[in-house]
Structures are given as C-alpha cells and as structure tokens.
Amino acid sequence: MFQPIGLGTVTLPYHMPNKPLGYFCPVLSGDGTLFDELQQRYASTFEKLNRRQKLYLLVCIASDLCCQVECDEESDLNNPEITEVINRLQKELSTQDKESLMLALVTPSKV
C-alpha cells in the first residue's frame, strides 16, 4: 500500500539562479551543434522561451528518456504506487510545488 511521502510543500527554493547551458552541456559558440543553436536562439539560460515552451521541452525530453531507459520489469510504468503519487500530485500540489518537485527530481542528490 502507498505510504505518504510528504508531497506537501517542497522545500526547494522556487527561484533558483539559472546557470548557462554551457554549465550542463558542451557548448562551443559557432560549432553548429544543437546546443549552440539553442543557445543562440533562446539565450544561454533559455530566457527567450516562455514558461509553457520550457515545460513542453521538459515533457518531450522526459518522454524520450523514459522510452530509452530499460525497465527491470514490464510493470515499472504501471506501478500502482507511482500511479497514486501521480494522481495525488495532480490534485494536491500547487503549480509552484509541481515545478519544485520537477527540480528535485532532476537535481543530482549529494552522495
């Protein structure tokens, strides 16, 4: 059975300073790569994209990555516990909390 994991207010700061694309990806100005094109078109911290465009890019990238990751079992994506978490977060979390949760999921944990 699902155990609550504290999906209330996430404690990460909502407005974190943006780091440039080059901090995360190999970007060389003028090298013609997709990273270079993204940086030229949308600026190094994607400030030329609106919020909806950024979220759409995240959804597309996450979906692509999800399809590439090997699952231990066929049921990995149909796990009732994860389904319940998804249903609850859609109903219970504010937009700000959802965005903070996304950040928490993609930020590497300290080991």
PDB file of N, CA and C in Angstrom:
ATOM      1  N   MET A   1       0.832  -1.188   0.000  1.00  0.00           N
ATOM      2  CA  MET A   1       0.000   0.000   0.000  1.00  0.00           C
ATOM      3  C   MET A   1       0.873   1.245   0.000  1.00  0.00           C
ATOM      4  N   PHE A   2       0.363   2.285  -0.601  1.00  0.00           N
ATOM      5  CA  PHE A   2       1.080   3.551  -0.709  1.00  0.00           C
ATOM      6  C   PHE A   2       1.256   4.202   0.651  1.00  0.00           C
ATOM      7  N   GLN A   3       2.475   4.624   0.943  1.00  0.00           N
ATOM      8  CA  GLN A   3       2.764   5.370   2.158  1.00  0.00           C
ATOM      9  C   GLN A   3       3.002   6.826   1.781  1.00  0.00           C
ATOM     10  N   PRO A   4       2.363   7.774   2.453  1.00  0.00           N
ATOM     11  CA  PRO A   4       2.592   9.182   2.133  1.00  0.00           C
ATOM     12  C   PRO A   4       4.070   9.538   2.224  1.00  0.00           C
ATOM     13  N   ILE A   5       4.553  10.293   1.263  1.00  0.00           N
ATOM     14  CA  ILE A   5       5.963  10.663   1.247  1.00  0.00           C
ATOM     15  C   ILE A   5       6.143  12.169   1.380  1.00  0.00           C
ATOM     16  N   GLY A   6       5.156  12.832   1.931  1.00  0.00           N
ATOM     17  CA  GLY A   6       5.302  14.256   2.169  1.00  0.00           C
ATOM     18  C   GLY A   6       5.229  15.091   0.917  1.00  0.00           C
ATOM     19  N   LEU A   7       4.211  14.882   0.114  1.00  0.00           N
ATOM     20  CA  LEU A   7       4.071  15.656  -1.115  1.00  0.00           C
ATOM     21  C   LEU A   7       3.431  17.017  -0.875  1.00  0.00           C
ATOM     22  N   GLY A   8       3.549  17.538   0.304  1.00  0.00           N
ATOM     23  CA  GLY A   8       3.042  18.887   0.579  1.00  0.00           C
ATOM     24  C   GLY A   8       3.953  19.903  -0.072  1.00  0.00           C
ATOM     25  N   THR A   9       4.285  20.939   0.634  1.00  0.00           N
ATOM     26  CA  THR A   9       5.154  21.968   0.091  1.00  0.00           C
ATOM     27  C   THR A   9       6.589  21.461   0.022  1.00  0.00           C
ATOM     28  N   VAL A  10       7.155  21.502  -1.156  1.00  0.00           N
ATOM     29  CA  VAL A  10       8.532  21.094  -1.359  1.00  0.00           C
ATOM     30  C   VAL A  10       9.433  22.212  -0.875  1.00  0.00           C
ATOM     31  N   THR A  11      10.500  21.881  -0.212  1.00  0.00           N
ATOM     32  CA  THR A  11      11.309  22.902   0.441  1.00  0.00           C
ATOM     33  C   THR A  11      12.412  23.490  -0.422  1.00  0.00           C
ATOM     34  N   LEU A  12      12.490  23.108  -1.673  1.00  0.00           N
ATOM     35  CA  LEU A  12      13.492  23.719  -2.542  1.00  0.00           C
ATOM     36  C   LEU A  12      13.126  25.167  -2.837  1.00  0.00           C
ATOM     37  N   PRO A  13      14.135  26.027  -3.015  1.00  0.00           N
ATOM     38  CA  PRO A  13      13.816  27.413  -3.356  1.00  0.00           C
ATOM     39  C   PRO A  13      13.141  27.479  -4.719  1.00  0.00           C
ATOM     40  N   TYR A  14      12.091  28.269  -4.831  1.00  0.00           N
ATOM     41  CA  TYR A  14      11.340  28.359  -6.075  1.00  0.00           C
ATOM     42  C   TYR A  14      12.128  29.075  -7.158  1.00  0.00           C
ATOM     43  N   HIS A  15      12.772  30.164  -6.816  1.00  0.00           N
ATOM     44  CA  HIS A  15      13.542  30.918  -7.802  1.00  0.00           C
ATOM     45  C   HIS A  15      15.021  30.693  -7.560  1.00  0.00           C
ATOM     46  N   MET A  16      15.558  29.722  -8.264  1.00  0.00           N
ATOM     47  CA  MET A  16      16.979  29.442  -8.148  1.00  0.00           C
ATOM     48  C   MET A  16      17.685  30.160  -9.288  1.00  0.00           C
ATOM     49  N   PRO A  17      18.913  30.617  -9.062  1.00  0.00           N
ATOM     50  CA  PRO A  17      19.628  31.287 -10.146  1.00  0.00           C
ATOM     51  C   PRO A  17      19.883  30.322 -11.289  1.00  0.00           C
ATOM     52  N   ASN A  18      19.656  30.787 -12.513  1.00  0.00           N
ATOM     53  CA  ASN A  18      19.879  29.958 -13.684  1.00  0.00           C
ATOM     54  C   ASN A  18      21.355  29.883 -14.000  1.00  0.00           C
ATOM     55  N   LYS A  19      21.791  28.713 -14.349  1.00  0.00           N
ATOM     56  CA  LYS A  19      23.149  28.537 -14.828  1.00  0.00           C
ATOM     57  C   LYS A  19      23.059  28.432 -16.347  1.00  0.00           C
ATOM     58  N   PRO A  20      24.063  28.900 -17.064  1.00  0.00           N
ATOM     59  CA  PRO A  20      24.003  28.843 -18.527  1.00  0.00           C
ATOM     60  C   PRO A  20      24.068  27.405 -19.041  1.00  0.00           C
ATOM     61  N   LEU A  21      23.578  27.218 -20.240  1.00  0.00           N
ATOM     62  CA  LEU A  21      23.554  25.899 -20.869  1.00  0.00           C
ATOM     63  C   LEU A  21      24.940  25.261 -20.856  1.00  0.00           C
ATOM     64  N   GLY A  22      25.976  26.062 -21.066  1.00  0.00           N
ATOM     65  CA  GLY A  22      27.345  25.548 -21.084  1.00  0.00           C
ATOM     66  C   GLY A  22      27.792  24.932 -19.768  1.00  0.00           C
ATOM     67  N   TYR A  23      27.121  25.253 -18.677  1.00  0.00           N
ATOM     68  CA  TYR A  23      27.419  24.645 -17.389  1.00  0.00           C
ATOM     69  C   TYR A  23      27.045  23.158 -17.396  1.00  0.00           C
ATOM     70  N   PHE A  24      25.999  22.810 -18.146  1.00  0.00           N
ATOM     71  CA  PHE A  24      25.468  21.449 -18.173  1.00  0.00           C
ATOM     72  C   PHE A  24      25.857  20.663 -19.421  1.00  0.00           C
ATOM     73  N   CYS A  25      26.039  21.358 -20.538  1.00  0.00           N
ATOM     74  CA  CYS A  25      26.242  20.713 -21.836  1.00  0.00           C
ATOM     75  C   CYS A  25      27.468  21.294 -22.535  1.00  0.00           C
ATOM     76  N   PRO A  26      28.096  20.512 -23.406  1.00  0.00           N
ATOM     77  CA  PRO A  26      29.249  21.023 -24.140  1.00  0.00           C
ATOM     78  C   PRO A  26      28.812  21.984 -25.247  1.00  0.00           C
ATOM     79  N   VAL A  27      28.918  23.268 -24.981  1.00  0.00           N
ATOM     80  CA  VAL A  27      28.509  24.284 -25.947  1.00  0.00           C
ATOM     81  C   VAL A  27      29.730  25.086 -26.369  1.00  0.00           C
ATOM     82  N   LEU A  28      29.998  25.094 -27.663  1.00  0.00           N
ATOM     83  CA  LEU A  28      31.031  25.950 -28.225  1.00  0.00           C
ATOM     84  C   LEU A  28      30.351  26.882 -29.208  1.00  0.00           C
ATOM     85  N   SER A  29      30.457  28.155 -28.956  1.00  0.00           N
ATOM     86  CA  SER A  29      29.797  29.138 -29.816  1.00  0.00           C
ATOM     87  C   SER A  29      30.259  28.967 -31.262  1.00  0.00           C
ATOM     88  N   GLY A  30      29.275  28.848 -32.151  1.00  0.00           N
ATOM     89  CA  GLY A  30      29.560  28.751 -33.578  1.00  0.00           C
ATOM     90  C   GLY A  30      29.923  27.371 -34.074  1.00  0.00           C
ATOM     91  N   ASP A  31      29.803  26.330 -33.224  1.00  0.00           N
ATOM     92  CA  ASP A  31      30.182  24.990 -33.683  1.00  0.00           C
ATOM     93  C   ASP A  31      29.081  24.274 -34.458  1.00  0.00           C
ATOM     94  N   GLY A  32      27.900  24.886 -34.535  1.00  0.00           N
ATOM     95  CA  GLY A  32      26.819  24.341 -35.349  1.00  0.00           C
ATOM     96  C   GLY A  32      26.042  23.197 -34.720  1.00  0.00           C
ATOM     97  N   THR A  33      26.328  22.856 -33.464  1.00  0.00           N
ATOM     98  CA  THR A  33      25.597  21.775 -32.811  1.00  0.00           C
ATOM     99  C   THR A  33      24.214  22.273 -32.367  1.00  0.00           C
ATOM    100  N   LEU A  34      23.380  21.345 -31.972  1.00  0.00           N
ATOM    101  CA  LEU A  34      22.059  21.707 -31.446  1.00  0.00           C
ATOM    102  C   LEU A  34      22.205  22.588 -30.211  1.00  0.00           C
ATOM    103  N   PHE A  35      23.162  22.269 -29.333  1.00  0.00           N
ATOM    104  CA  PHE A  35      23.371  23.097 -28.145  1.00  0.00           C
ATOM    105  C   PHE A  35      23.703  24.537 -28.529  1.00  0.00           C
ATOM    106  N   ASP A  36      24.576  24.690 -29.515  1.00  0.00           N
ATOM    107  CA  ASP A  36      24.937  26.035 -29.979  1.00  0.00           C
ATOM    108  C   ASP A  36      23.719  26.753 -30.545  1.00  0.00           C
ATOM    109  N   GLU A  37      22.924  26.052 -31.332  1.00  0.00           N
ATOM    110  CA  GLU A  37      21.719  26.654 -31.919  1.00  0.00           C
ATOM    111  C   GLU A  37      20.712  27.053 -30.837  1.00  0.00           C
ATOM    112  N   LEU A  38      20.520  26.180 -29.847  1.00  0.00           N
ATOM    113  CA  LEU A  38      19.607  26.507 -28.747  1.00  0.00           C
ATOM    114  C   LEU A  38      20.073  27.753 -28.011  1.00  0.00           C
ATOM    115  N   GLN A  39      21.366  27.821 -27.752  1.00  0.00           N
ATOM    116  CA  GLN A  39      21.911  28.973 -27.032  1.00  0.00           C
ATOM    117  C   GLN A  39      21.763  30.261 -27.850  1.00  0.00           C
ATOM    118  N   GLN A  40      22.025  30.181 -29.144  1.00  0.00           N
ATOM    119  CA  GLN A  40      21.898  31.369 -29.997  1.00  0.00           C
ATOM    120  C   GLN A  40      20.433  31.801 -30.125  1.00  0.00           C
ATOM    121  N   ARG A  41      19.540  30.839 -30.264  1.00  0.00           N
ATOM    122  CA  ARG A  41      18.130  31.146 -30.493  1.00  0.00           C
ATOM    123  C   ARG A  41      17.400  31.587 -29.222  1.00  0.00           C
ATOM    124  N   TYR A  42      17.681  30.935 -28.092  1.00  0.00           N
ATOM    125  CA  TYR A  42      16.898  31.161 -26.871  1.00  0.00           C
ATOM    126  C   TYR A  42      17.699  31.769 -25.720  1.00  0.00           C
ATOM    127  N   ALA A  43      18.967  32.057 -25.929  1.00  0.00           N
ATOM    128  CA  ALA A  43      19.894  32.622 -24.951  1.00  0.00           C
ATOM    129  C   ALA A  43      20.426  31.509 -24.039  1.00  0.00           C
ATOM    130  N   SER A  44      21.508  31.790 -23.357  1.00  0.00           N
ATOM    131  CA  SER A  44      22.227  30.742 -22.627  1.00  0.00           C
ATOM    132  C   SER A  44      21.461  30.171 -21.441  1.00  0.00           C
ATOM    133  N   THR A  45      20.505  30.936 -20.901  1.00  0.00           N
ATOM    134  CA  THR A  45      19.683  30.415 -19.801  1.00  0.00           C
ATOM    135  C   THR A  45      18.226  30.258 -20.218  1.00  0.00           C
ATOM    136  N   PHE A  46      17.987  30.200 -21.510  1.00  0.00           N
ATOM    137  CA  PHE A  46      16.658  29.983 -22.096  1.00  0.00           C
ATOM    138  C   PHE A  46      15.652  31.069 -21.741  1.00  0.00           C
ATOM    139  N   GLU A  47      16.133  32.270 -21.461  1.00  0.00           N
ATOM    140  CA  GLU A  47      15.220  33.356 -21.089  1.00  0.00           C
ATOM    141  C   GLU A  47      14.324  33.804 -22.244  1.00  0.00           C
ATOM    142  N   LYS A  48      14.630  33.407 -23.468  1.00  0.00           N
ATOM    143  CA  LYS A  48      13.766  33.770 -24.599  1.00  0.00           C
ATOM    144  C   LYS A  48      12.623  32.780 -24.803  1.00  0.00           C
ATOM    145  N   LEU A  49      12.603  31.720 -24.018  1.00  0.00           N
ATOM    146  CA  LEU A  49      11.478  30.782 -24.044  1.00  0.00           C
ATOM    147  C   LEU A  49      10.486  31.188 -22.957  1.00  0.00           C
ATOM    148  N   ASN A  50       9.203  31.069 -23.256  1.00  0.00           N
ATOM    149  CA  ASN A  50       8.233  31.331 -22.191  1.00  0.00           C
ATOM    150  C   ASN A  50       8.082  30.059 -21.343  1.00  0.00           C
ATOM    151  N   ARG A  51       7.387  30.193 -20.259  1.00  0.00           N
ATOM    152  CA  ARG A  51       7.235  29.093 -19.302  1.00  0.00           C
ATOM    153  C   ARG A  51       6.619  27.852 -19.946  1.00  0.00           C
ATOM    154  N   ARG A  52       5.590  28.046 -20.739  1.00  0.00           N
ATOM    155  CA  ARG A  52       4.922  26.912 -21.380  1.00  0.00           C
ATOM    156  C   ARG A  52       5.868  26.192 -22.344  1.00  0.00           C
ATOM    157  N   GLN A  53       6.669  26.937 -23.088  1.00  0.00           N
ATOM    158  CA  GLN A  53       7.619  26.320 -24.013  1.00  0.00           C
ATOM    159  C   GLN A  53       8.664  25.500 -23.258  1.00  0.00           C
ATOM    160  N   LYS A  54       9.141  26.032 -22.131  1.00  0.00           N
ATOM    161  CA  LYS A  54      10.111  25.284 -21.324  1.00  0.00           C
ATOM    162  C   LYS A  54       9.493  23.993 -20.794  1.00  0.00           C
ATOM    163  N   LEU A  55       8.273  24.075 -20.304  1.00  0.00           N
ATOM    164  CA  LEU A  55       7.606  22.880 -19.787  1.00  0.00           C
ATOM    165  C   LEU A  55       7.384  21.854 -20.898  1.00  0.00           C
ATOM    166  N   TYR A  56       7.018  22.319 -22.081  1.00  0.00           N
ATOM    167  CA  TYR A  56       6.802  21.410 -23.204  1.00  0.00           C
ATOM    168  C   TYR A  56       8.111  20.705 -23.582  1.00  0.00           C
ATOM    169  N   LEU A  57       9.212  21.446 -23.603  1.00  0.00           N
ATOM    170  CA  LEU A  57      10.507  20.821 -23.876  1.00  0.00           C
ATOM    171  C   LEU A  57      10.834  19.770 -22.823  1.00  0.00           C
ATOM    172  N   LEU A  58      10.578  20.083 -21.559  1.00  0.00           N
ATOM    173  CA  LEU A  58      10.824  19.119 -20.488  1.00  0.00           C
ATOM    174  C   LEU A  58      10.004  17.840 -20.672  1.00  0.00           C
ATOM    175  N   VAL A  59       8.732  18.000 -21.016  1.00  0.00           N
ATOM    176  CA  VAL A  59       7.866  16.835 -21.234  1.00  0.00           C
ATOM    177  C   VAL A  59       8.405  15.968 -22.376  1.00  0.00           C
ATOM    178  N   CYS A  60       8.794  16.606 -23.461  1.00  0.00           N
ATOM    179  CA  CYS A  60       9.297  15.856 -24.625  1.00  0.00           C
ATOM    180  C   CYS A  60      10.600  15.139 -24.306  1.00  0.00           C
ATOM    181  N   ILE A  61      11.509  15.819 -23.623  1.00  0.00           N
ATOM    182  CA  ILE A  61      12.785  15.198 -23.266  1.00  0.00           C
ATOM    183  C   ILE A  61      12.560  14.052 -22.283  1.00  0.00           C
ATOM    184  N   ALA A  62      11.719  14.274 -21.271  1.00  0.00           N
ATOM    185  CA  ALA A  62      11.445  13.225 -20.286  1.00  0.00           C
ATOM    186  C   ALA A  62      10.790  12.013 -20.940  1.00  0.00           C
ATOM    187  N   SER A  63       9.871  12.251 -21.861  1.00  0.00           N
ATOM    188  CA  SER A  63       9.202  11.158 -22.556  1.00  0.00           C
ATOM    189  C   SER A  63      10.203  10.356 -23.385  1.00  0.00           C
ATOM    190  N   ASP A  64      11.076  11.052 -24.088  1.00  0.00           N
ATOM    191  CA  ASP A  64      12.095  10.388 -24.896  1.00  0.00           C
ATOM    192  C   ASP A  64      13.019   9.554 -24.010  1.00  0.00           C
ATOM    193  N   LEU A  65      13.464  10.128 -22.904  1.00  0.00           N
ATOM    194  CA  LEU A  65      14.344   9.400 -21.985  1.00  0.00           C
ATOM    195  C   LEU A  65      13.650   8.201 -21.365  1.00  0.00           C
ATOM    196  N   CYS A  66      12.383   8.358 -21.029  1.00  0.00           N
ATOM    197  CA  CYS A  66      11.624   7.260 -20.431  1.00  0.00           C
ATOM    198  C   CYS A  66      11.553   6.076 -21.389  1.00  0.00           C
ATOM    199  N   CYS A  67      11.398   6.348 -22.662  1.00  0.00           N
ATOM    200  CA  CYS A  67      11.337   5.279 -23.663  1.00  0.00           C
ATOM    201  C   CYS A  67      12.683   4.597 -23.856  1.00  0.00           C
ATOM    202  N   GLN A  68      13.774   5.308 -23.582  1.00  0.00           N
ATOM    203  CA  GLN A  68      15.114   4.749 -23.778  1.00  0.00           C
ATOM    204  C   GLN A  68      15.609   3.937 -22.585  1.00  0.00           C
ATOM    205  N   VAL A  69      15.090   4.232 -21.397  1.00  0.00           N
ATOM    206  CA  VAL A  69      15.552   3.550 -20.185  1.00  0.00           C
ATOM    207  C   VAL A  69      15.008   2.131 -20.156  1.00  0.00           C
ATOM    208  N   GLU A  70      15.891   1.201 -19.880  1.00  0.00           N
ATOM    209  CA  GLU A  70      15.456  -0.189 -19.760  1.00  0.00           C
ATOM    210  C   GLU A  70      14.737  -0.382 -18.438  1.00  0.00           C
ATOM    211  N   CYS A  71      13.596  -1.018 -18.498  1.00  0.00           N
ATOM    212  CA  CYS A  71      12.815  -1.297 -17.288  1.00  0.00           C
ATOM    213  C   CYS A  71      13.221  -2.652 -16.733  1.00  0.00           C
ATOM    214  N   ASP A  72      13.248  -2.739 -15.405  1.00  0.00           N
ATOM    215  CA  ASP A  72      13.531  -4.027 -14.768  1.00  0.00           C
ATOM    216  C   ASP A  72      12.399  -5.008 -15.038  1.00  0.00           C
ATOM    217  N   GLU A  73      11.199  -4.485 -15.039  1.00  0.00           N
ATOM    218  CA  GLU A  73      10.015  -5.299 -15.293  1.00  0.00           C
ATOM    219  C   GLU A  73       9.078  -4.509 -16.177  1.00  0.00           C
ATOM    220  N   GLU A  74       8.203  -5.198 -16.846  1.00  0.00           N
ATOM    221  CA  GLU A  74       7.202  -4.543 -17.689  1.00  0.00           C
ATOM    222  C   GLU A  74       6.314  -3.625 -16.866  1.00  0.00           C
ATOM    223  N   SER A  75       6.155  -3.947 -15.590  1.00  0.00           N
ATOM    224  CA  SER A  75       5.231  -3.202 -14.743  1.00  0.00           C
ATOM    225  C   SER A  75       5.829  -1.918 -14.160  1.00  0.00           C
ATOM    226  N   ASP A  76       7.072  -1.576 -14.480  1.00  0.00           N
ATOM    227  CA  ASP A  76       7.692  -0.373 -13.913  1.00  0.00           C
ATOM    228  C   ASP A  76       6.837   0.868 -14.094  1.00  0.00           C
ATOM    229  N   LEU A  77       6.259   1.031 -15.264  1.00  0.00           N
ATOM    230  CA  LEU A  77       5.474   2.234 -15.540  1.00  0.00           C
ATOM    231  C   LEU A  77       4.021   2.090 -15.113  1.00  0.00           C
ATOM    232  N   ASN A  78       3.583   0.886 -14.869  1.00  0.00           N
ATOM    233  CA  ASN A  78       2.204   0.652 -14.439  1.00  0.00           C
ATOM    234  C   ASN A  78       2.129   0.347 -12.949  1.00  0.00           C
ATOM    235  N   ASN A  79       3.099   0.791 -12.203  1.00  0.00           N
ATOM    236  CA  ASN A  79       3.166   0.559 -10.772  1.00  0.00           C
ATOM    237  C   ASN A  79       2.043   1.330 -10.084  1.00  0.00           C
ATOM    238  N   PRO A  80       1.154   0.650  -9.345  1.00  0.00           N
ATOM    239  CA  PRO A  80       0.029   1.325  -8.687  1.00  0.00           C
ATOM    240  C   PRO A  80       0.474   2.418  -7.717  1.00  0.00           C
ATOM    241  N   GLU A  81       1.600   2.219  -7.072  1.00  0.00           N
ATOM    242  CA  GLU A  81       2.104   3.213  -6.124  1.00  0.00           C
ATOM    243  C   GLU A  81       2.467   4.514  -6.853  1.00  0.00           C
ATOM    244  N   ILE A  82       3.165   4.384  -7.969  1.00  0.00           N
ATOM    245  CA  ILE A  82       3.547   5.568  -8.760  1.00  0.00           C
ATOM    246  C   ILE A  82       2.308   6.226  -9.350  1.00  0.00           C
ATOM    247  N   THR A  83       1.364   5.415  -9.817  1.00  0.00           N
ATOM    248  CA  THR A  83       0.116   5.960 -10.354  1.00  0.00           C
ATOM    249  C   THR A  83      -0.613   6.775  -9.298  1.00  0.00           C
ATOM    250  N   GLU A  84      -0.640   6.263  -8.066  1.00  0.00           N
ATOM    251  CA  GLU A  84      -1.302   7.002  -6.988  1.00  0.00           C
ATOM    252  C   GLU A  84      -0.577   8.314  -6.690  1.00  0.00           C
ATOM    253  N   VAL A  85       0.752   8.288  -6.694  1.00  0.00           N
ATOM    254  CA  VAL A  85       1.521   9.511  -6.480  1.00  0.00           C
ATOM    255  C   VAL A  85       1.198  10.533  -7.566  1.00  0.00           C
ATOM    256  N   ILE A  86       1.160  10.088  -8.811  1.00  0.00           N
ATOM    257  CA  ILE A  86       0.843  10.987  -9.935  1.00  0.00           C
ATOM    258  C   ILE A  86      -0.545  11.580  -9.757  1.00  0.00           C
ATOM    259  N   ASN A  87      -1.523  10.750  -9.438  1.00  0.00           N
ATOM    260  CA  ASN A  87      -2.892  11.243  -9.237  1.00  0.00           C
ATOM    261  C   ASN A  87      -2.958  12.257  -8.103  1.00  0.00           C
ATOM    262  N   ARG A  88      -2.261  11.965  -7.019  1.00  0.00           N
ATOM    263  CA  ARG A  88      -2.283  12.887  -5.873  1.00  0.00           C
ATOM    264  C   ARG A  88      -1.585  14.201  -6.190  1.00  0.00           C
ATOM    265  N   LEU A  89      -0.443  14.135  -6.828  1.00  0.00           N
ATOM    266  CA  LEU A  89       0.260  15.393  -7.087  1.00  0.00           C
ATOM    267  C   LEU A  89      -0.506  16.264  -8.069  1.00  0.00           C
ATOM    268  N   GLN A  90      -1.233  15.650  -9.004  1.00  0.00           N
ATOM    269  CA  GLN A  90      -2.051  16.433  -9.928  1.00  0.00           C
ATOM    270  C   GLN A  90      -3.175  17.154  -9.197  1.00  0.00           C
ATOM    271  N   LYS A  91      -3.705  16.539  -8.149  1.00  0.00           N
ATOM    272  CA  LYS A  91      -4.822  17.119  -7.409  1.00  0.00           C
ATOM    273  C   LYS A  91      -4.382  18.022  -6.266  1.00  0.00           C
ATOM    274  N   GLU A  92      -3.293  17.662  -5.581  1.00  0.00           N
ATOM    275  CA  GLU A  92      -2.951  18.296  -4.318  1.00  0.00           C
ATOM    276  C   GLU A  92      -1.887  19.385  -4.382  1.00  0.00           C
ATOM    277  N   LEU A  93      -1.027  19.359  -5.391  1.00  0.00           N
ATOM    278  CA  LEU A  93       0.082  20.302  -5.410  1.00  0.00           C
ATOM    279  C   LEU A  93      -0.229  21.547  -6.218  1.00  0.00           C
ATOM    280  N   SER A  94       0.273  22.659  -5.725  1.00  0.00           N
ATOM    281  CA  SER A  94       0.158  23.913  -6.476  1.00  0.00           C
ATOM    282  C   SER A  94       1.115  23.859  -7.664  1.00  0.00           C
ATOM    283  N   THR A  95       0.959  24.779  -8.582  1.00  0.00           N
ATOM    284  CA  THR A  95       1.871  24.870  -9.727  1.00  0.00           C
ATOM    285  C   THR A  95       3.303  25.047  -9.239  1.00  0.00           C
ATOM    286  N   GLN A  96       3.482  25.906  -8.272  1.00  0.00           N
ATOM    287  CA  GLN A  96       4.820  26.153  -7.723  1.00  0.00           C
ATOM    288  C   GLN A  96       5.409  24.880  -7.125  1.00  0.00           C
ATOM    289  N   ASP A  97       4.602  24.134  -6.392  1.00  0.00           N
ATOM    290  CA  ASP A  97       5.089  22.895  -5.799  1.00  0.00           C
ATOM    291  C   ASP A  97       5.419  21.849  -6.863  1.00  0.00           C
ATOM    292  N   LYS A  98       4.641  21.791  -7.925  1.00  0.00           N
ATOM    293  CA  LYS A  98       4.932  20.850  -9.017  1.00  0.00           C
ATOM    294  C   LYS A  98       6.255  21.195  -9.682  1.00  0.00           C
ATOM    295  N   GLU A  99       6.489  22.482  -9.917  1.00  0.00           N
ATOM    296  CA  GLU A  99       7.747  22.901 -10.531  1.00  0.00           C
ATOM    297  C   GLU A  99       8.924  22.612  -9.605  1.00  0.00           C
ATOM    298  N   SER A 100       8.742  22.809  -8.311  1.00  0.00           N
ATOM    299  CA  SER A 100       9.795  22.498  -7.341  1.00  0.00           C
ATOM    300  C   SER A 100      10.067  20.996  -7.301  1.00  0.00           C
ATOM    301  N   LEU A 101       9.025  20.196  -7.401  1.00  0.00           N
ATOM    302  CA  LEU A 101       9.190  18.748  -7.422  1.00  0.00           C
ATOM    303  C   LEU A 101       9.950  18.314  -8.667  1.00  0.00           C
ATOM    304  N   MET A 102       9.641  18.918  -9.817  1.00  0.00           N
ATOM    305  CA  MET A 102      10.385  18.606 -11.040  1.00  0.00           C
ATOM    306  C   MET A 102      11.872  18.899 -10.838  1.00  0.00           C
ATOM    307  N   LEU A 103      12.164  20.039 -10.236  1.00  0.00           N
ATOM    308  CA  LEU A 103      13.546  20.409  -9.981  1.00  0.00           C
ATOM    309  C   LEU A 103      14.211  19.398  -9.056  1.00  0.00           C
ATOM    310  N   ALA A 104      13.502  18.982  -8.024  1.00  0.00           N
ATOM    311  CA  ALA A 104      14.047  17.995  -7.080  1.00  0.00           C
ATOM    312  C   ALA A 104      14.331  16.671  -7.782  1.00  0.00           C
ATOM    313  N   LEU A 105      13.497  16.289  -8.736  1.00  0.00           N
ATOM    314  CA  LEU A 105      13.680  15.014  -9.441  1.00  0.00           C
ATOM    315  C   LEU A 105      14.868  15.044 -10.395  1.00  0.00           C
ATOM    316  N   VAL A 106      15.193  16.196 -10.961  1.00  0.00           N
ATOM    317  CA  VAL A 106      16.288  16.245 -11.931  1.00  0.00           C
ATOM    318  C   VAL A 106      17.599  16.739 -11.338  1.00  0.00           C
ATOM    319  N   THR A 107      17.578  17.248 -10.104  1.00  0.00           N
ATOM    320  CA  THR A 107      18.796  17.715  -9.459  1.00  0.00           C
ATOM    321  C   THR A 107      19.507  16.517  -8.835  1.00  0.00           C
ATOM    322  N   PRO A 108      20.786  16.329  -9.175  1.00  0.00           N
ATOM    323  CA  PRO A 108      21.506  15.195  -8.590  1.00  0.00           C
ATOM    324  C   PRO A 108      21.562  15.294  -7.068  1.00  0.00           C
ATOM    325  N   SER A 109      21.368  14.158  -6.434  1.00  0.00           N
ATOM    326  CA  SER A 109      21.427  14.157  -4.964  1.00  0.00           C
ATOM    327  C   SER A 109      22.889  14.077  -4.528  1.00  0.00           C
ATOM    328  N   LYS A 110      23.157  14.627  -3.364  1.00  0.00           N
ATOM    329  CA  LYS A 110      24.516  14.565  -2.809  1.00  0.00           C
ATOM    330  C   LYS A 110      24.717  13.185  -2.222  1.00  0.00           C
ATOM    331  N   VAL A 111      25.810  12.563  -2.583  1.00  0.00           N
ATOM    332  CA  VAL A 111      26.097  11.208  -2.091  1.00  0.00           C
ATOM    333  C   VAL A 111      27.259  11.255  -1.153  1.00  0.00           C
TER     334      VAL A 111
END
